[in-house]
Protein backbone atom coordinates (compact mmCIF):
# COMPACT_ATOMS: atom_id res chain seq x y z
CA MET A 1 90.45 68.90 151.67
CA ALA A 2 89.10 67.84 148.31
CA PHE A 3 90.10 67.66 144.68
CA GLU A 4 87.49 68.89 142.24
CA PHE A 5 87.26 66.97 138.99
CA ASN A 6 84.45 67.13 136.42
CA GLY A 7 82.25 69.02 138.87
CA VAL A 8 82.65 66.47 141.67
CA GLU A 9 84.70 66.98 144.83
CA TYR A 10 86.78 63.96 145.85
CA PRO A 11 88.04 63.83 149.45
CA THR A 12 91.82 64.09 149.90
CA ASN A 13 94.13 64.24 152.87
CA ASP A 14 96.02 67.43 153.77
CA ASN A 15 98.70 66.65 151.16
CA GLY A 16 96.27 66.08 148.28
CA HIS A 17 96.25 62.26 148.21
CA LEU A 18 92.86 60.76 147.42
CA GLU A 19 91.14 59.25 150.44
CA ASN A 20 89.67 56.49 148.25
CA HIS A 21 92.01 55.14 145.56
CA GLU A 22 88.97 53.76 143.70
CA ASP A 23 87.97 57.35 142.84
CA TRP A 24 91.09 57.65 140.65
CA SER A 25 91.06 57.49 136.85
CA GLU A 26 93.60 58.25 134.15
CA GLU A 27 91.61 61.36 133.25
CA MET A 28 91.75 62.50 136.87
CA ALA A 29 95.52 61.90 136.85
CA HIS A 30 95.88 64.40 134.00
CA ALA A 31 93.94 66.99 136.03
CA MET A 32 95.94 66.29 139.20
CA ALA A 33 99.21 66.58 137.28
CA ALA A 34 98.09 69.84 135.67
CA ALA A 35 97.30 71.21 139.13
CA ASP A 36 100.96 70.48 140.00
CA GLY A 37 102.18 72.08 136.77
CA ILE A 38 103.01 68.75 135.09
CA GLU A 39 102.01 67.62 131.62
CA LEU A 40 102.02 63.83 131.64
CA THR A 41 104.22 62.01 129.12
CA GLU A 42 104.79 58.33 128.45
CA LYS A 43 107.67 58.37 130.95
CA HIS A 44 105.41 59.82 133.65
CA TRP A 45 102.96 56.98 132.98
CA ASP A 46 105.78 54.42 133.16
CA VAL A 47 106.67 55.67 136.65
CA MET A 48 103.05 55.90 137.79
CA ASN A 49 102.19 52.44 136.46
CA TYR A 50 105.25 51.04 138.24
CA LEU A 51 104.16 52.73 141.49
CA ARG A 52 100.60 51.42 141.12
CA ASP A 53 101.80 47.88 140.34
CA ALA A 54 104.19 47.91 143.29
CA TYR A 55 101.44 49.15 145.59
CA PHE A 56 98.58 46.92 144.47
CA GLN A 57 100.60 43.80 143.62
CA GLY A 58 103.24 44.25 146.32
CA GLY A 59 101.15 44.40 149.44
CA GLY A 60 100.99 48.19 149.76
CA GLU A 61 104.66 48.89 149.02
CA HIS A 62 105.61 52.48 148.18
CA PRO A 63 108.90 52.14 146.24
CA ASN A 64 111.56 54.67 147.12
CA THR A 65 113.47 56.75 144.58
CA ARG A 66 116.31 54.25 144.33
CA LYS A 67 113.89 51.47 143.34
CA ILE A 68 112.15 53.76 140.85
CA VAL A 69 115.47 54.66 139.21
CA LYS A 70 116.45 51.00 138.95
CA ALA A 71 113.07 49.94 137.53
CA MET A 72 112.94 52.79 134.99
CA SER A 73 116.55 52.15 133.92
CA GLU A 74 115.51 48.59 133.10
CA LYS A 75 112.25 49.65 131.43
CA TRP A 76 113.81 52.40 129.32
CA GLY A 77 116.96 50.41 128.50
CA GLU A 78 119.34 53.12 129.68
CA LYS A 79 121.10 54.06 132.87
CA ILE A 80 119.25 56.94 134.47
CA SER A 81 119.81 58.92 137.65
CA GLN A 82 117.68 60.41 140.38
CA ARG A 83 117.82 63.67 138.45
CA ASP A 84 115.91 62.05 135.60
CA VAL A 85 112.97 60.94 137.74
CA TYR A 86 112.97 64.20 139.71
CA ALA A 87 112.69 66.02 136.36
CA LEU A 88 109.39 64.16 135.91
CA PHE A 89 108.12 64.64 139.48
CA PRO A 90 110.06 67.55 141.07
CA LYS A 91 108.41 67.24 144.49
CA ASP A 92 109.59 63.61 144.86
CA PRO A 93 109.02 60.81 142.35
CA SER A 94 107.59 58.43 144.94
CA LYS A 95 105.39 60.90 146.79
CA GLN A 96 104.24 63.24 144.01
CA GLY A 97 104.12 60.41 141.48
CA GLY A 98 102.12 58.31 143.92
CA LYS A 99 99.69 61.15 144.58
CA ILE A 100 99.02 61.67 140.87
CA ALA A 101 98.76 57.89 140.46
CA GLY A 102 95.93 57.86 143.01
CA LEU A 103 97.81 56.04 145.76
CA PRO A 104 97.46 56.65 149.50
CA GLU A 105 100.16 58.81 151.02
CA SER A 106 103.36 57.01 151.89
CA ARG A 107 104.29 57.03 155.55
CA ARG A 108 107.90 56.22 154.69
CA LYS A 109 110.39 58.95 155.57
CA GLY A 110 113.17 60.08 153.30
CA GLY A 111 114.01 59.12 149.74
CA TYR A 112 115.83 55.90 150.56
């Protein structure tokens, strides 16, 4: 599979994750999100930046939904729930958010 962006096809796996994370850009993220029916907001970027930091600074960690909820509660200064992050990324905050953030597909099973 491939994702076409600005006239160039970028290789992806069967689930749409970029094969080479270095191909990713913020502009591409907007296009990937639009393809999933998502218009990126500041909160989307907060989640995606957290996922990217955890992955690149944390030795390839893909945070699960519980960790995302905890981190975003701290960042946003309010207690949030899974529902709040699923409202941002309905197909799974970790997996869909990670895909749009240009990360390799997580091999972790389940949300926790």
